[in-house]
Amino acid sequence: MPLDSPPHHLPGRTLPGTTVLEFCLNTTPVAPGSPSLVKGMNRRSQILRLLLRYRNSGVFSGMNLDARAVHDVPPEGNPEQFVTDLESLGPTFVKLGQMLSTRPDMVPVEFATALERMQEKVAPIPVERIAQIIEQELGASVSKLFASFDPVPLGCASIAQVHRAQLHDGREVAVKVQKPEVAAQLRSDLEVLRSFALAADHLTQVGRRVRLRDWLNEFAKTLMQELDYQAEAENLQRFGQHLKPFKPLWVPQPIWDYCSHRVLTMELANGVRVDMIPDVRRTEEPMAPLAAALIRGYIDQIFVHGEIHADPHPGNLRVTPQGRLAIFDLGMVAHMPPRLRERLLKLLFAAVDGRGEEVADEIIGISTRLESFDEERYLRETGQMIARYAANTSFSEGRVVLDLVRIATASGLRTPPELSLLGKALLNLETVCRLLSPDLDTRRIVEKQLQHVMRARLKKSLSAANLASEAMEIQQLLREGPRKMSDILALLAENRLQMKVTGLEESRLMENLQKIANRVSAGIVTAALILAAAMMMKVDTGWHLFGYPAIAFTLMLIGVALGLGIILSALIFDRRARSKEERGHR
């Protein structure tokens, strides 16, 4: 059975009283008694303990969890303990925590803030195992590939380990090696998480609102891409080309002959982390140009090239001895289509100018309306928040975007994940800029760069090639317009004009019509049963119930039961519909 489909006894709906644990157990995709099932059950138990511990903290609110299903449930923890618990579950949950920090609509603010400070503290694995992976991936021994290879790692995370090395031509490089069995562990954890997400989507309000399974599928896609170091090498090369106009920025380039899917070799970024710059150097060397270039470069990267690096935290940035800002660790990069890019750019412009109504309209245009969407509440809260942002220069652009996501979700809108990633990227940029230059006016730089991007887009739209394309479309319209209008009038005159409306099969209109048809059909069947019972009362079949012919009496009971069912269904569901409509008008 595919893991992303409901179990056989839950065709699109759940049984009454079903808990998340029972649902997940019913969706176990392995044979009973197998070793993988035992291992999977242990992992499910660990995850369930996490859910139970924080079930009242707002992180997993609304889940129908049965605490008796798992013994020795630990007491409820705080946000910092939540981060520690995620880190203890391994690399999948570290990455999951980093992604959750971008979703204020899924976790409370205090938990999202704690997740932003998540750092991986992992013991290194022996260098002999690292050398074995390098030899398997690159087809040669470490001694042949490198003139020297430092056995002490520069950094160690749950997924990879980085070592300093020197090529035979004298260049210093950083070698990033994926740890063994990490990919298999991530895939196994993602399968378990999918079963929990499937349960949450069916059984909880937050699941129906956010669609955890869809979000988890996007997370899994991003995570699997991060495991491919060939893709990260391409990101390094592409970002290096795009950020060339910003001279203070530098992206270490990959050494392609020494790269594979599990090994990434790139230029070594010597320097100091942006959160560890000595005060003496800060006084002698101004850091404001680096911060300003970082903001301009990333705004350009997002809205011109359509790529969001959602994780520019201090650990991924170094100030080099030459006074440049090195940017690396580009495994987690999201791509935005041009139309969404344009909508988000208009949204930021409207927010900067304090036009709350336009901000609300743009978000509605790129989001999905749920049945519980409260438009009046959404417009009011969005307008109030944008007004506060416009009046207060200390407001963070990234925090404003994340607050917009939170308000939209609370009002019944499902926003695209790119909006949350944009907010997270802007928030990380502002954090880095405060570390580099606390007095820098980041808001003014963001506004100026957005204007620059808009001018560049306008200039591109007025280019000779674009104007020629527009002229050709106008010429085609003028040439074919009269003929098409004549065809339409001819069809209208002959009464042969037809219009096709799509989407009705998925609309609430078709659902309501189907309900009406079902009730009418059930009413006809009920009337036929009662009429048949009345006619057969005079026919003696030899069998009697309470003194009446058995067949006639049975048909009468069935007809009465169906009739009462129709009446109760109409009274209950029509009353619910009216109450929902009344709530919507308040």
Foldseek 3Di string as FASTA:
>chain_A
DDLLAFAPVQHPADDPPDALVNRLVSSPPDDPPDPVVVVLVVLLLLVLLLCVQCQPVQQVDFGRHDPVVHPPRDHHDDLLVNLVSQLVSFDLSLLVLLLVLLACQRGPPRNSVNSLPRDFDDDDDFVVQVQVQLCVFLVDGPVVAFVFKDRDFPDDGRFWTWTWTAGPVGFIKIKIFGHPPPVVVNVSVLSSVLSSLSSCLRRGPSCVLAVSNVVSVVSSVLVVLLLFVVSQLVVLVVLQVLLVVLPLEHEWHWPVSSDGRGMTMTGDADAAFLLPDDPVCCVVPPLLSQLLSVLLSQVCCCLVVFKFQLDQARVQWGQGPVRHIYGHDRSRMDGDDNVVSVLVLVLLVCLLVLNQQSNLVSQQVQWDADPQAQSVQLSVVSSVLSNVCNVDLPDFPLVNLSVNSNSCSVRGIHGDSVSSSVSSRSVNSVVSSCSRPVPDSSSVSNVVSSVVSVVVVVVVCPDPVNVVVVVVVVVVCVVCVVVVVVVQVVCVVVVNDDDDDPDPVVDVVVVVVVVVVVLVVLLVQLVVLLVVLVVCQPPAPPDDDPRTRPSSVVSNVVSVVSVVVSVVVCVVVVVVVVVSVVVSVD
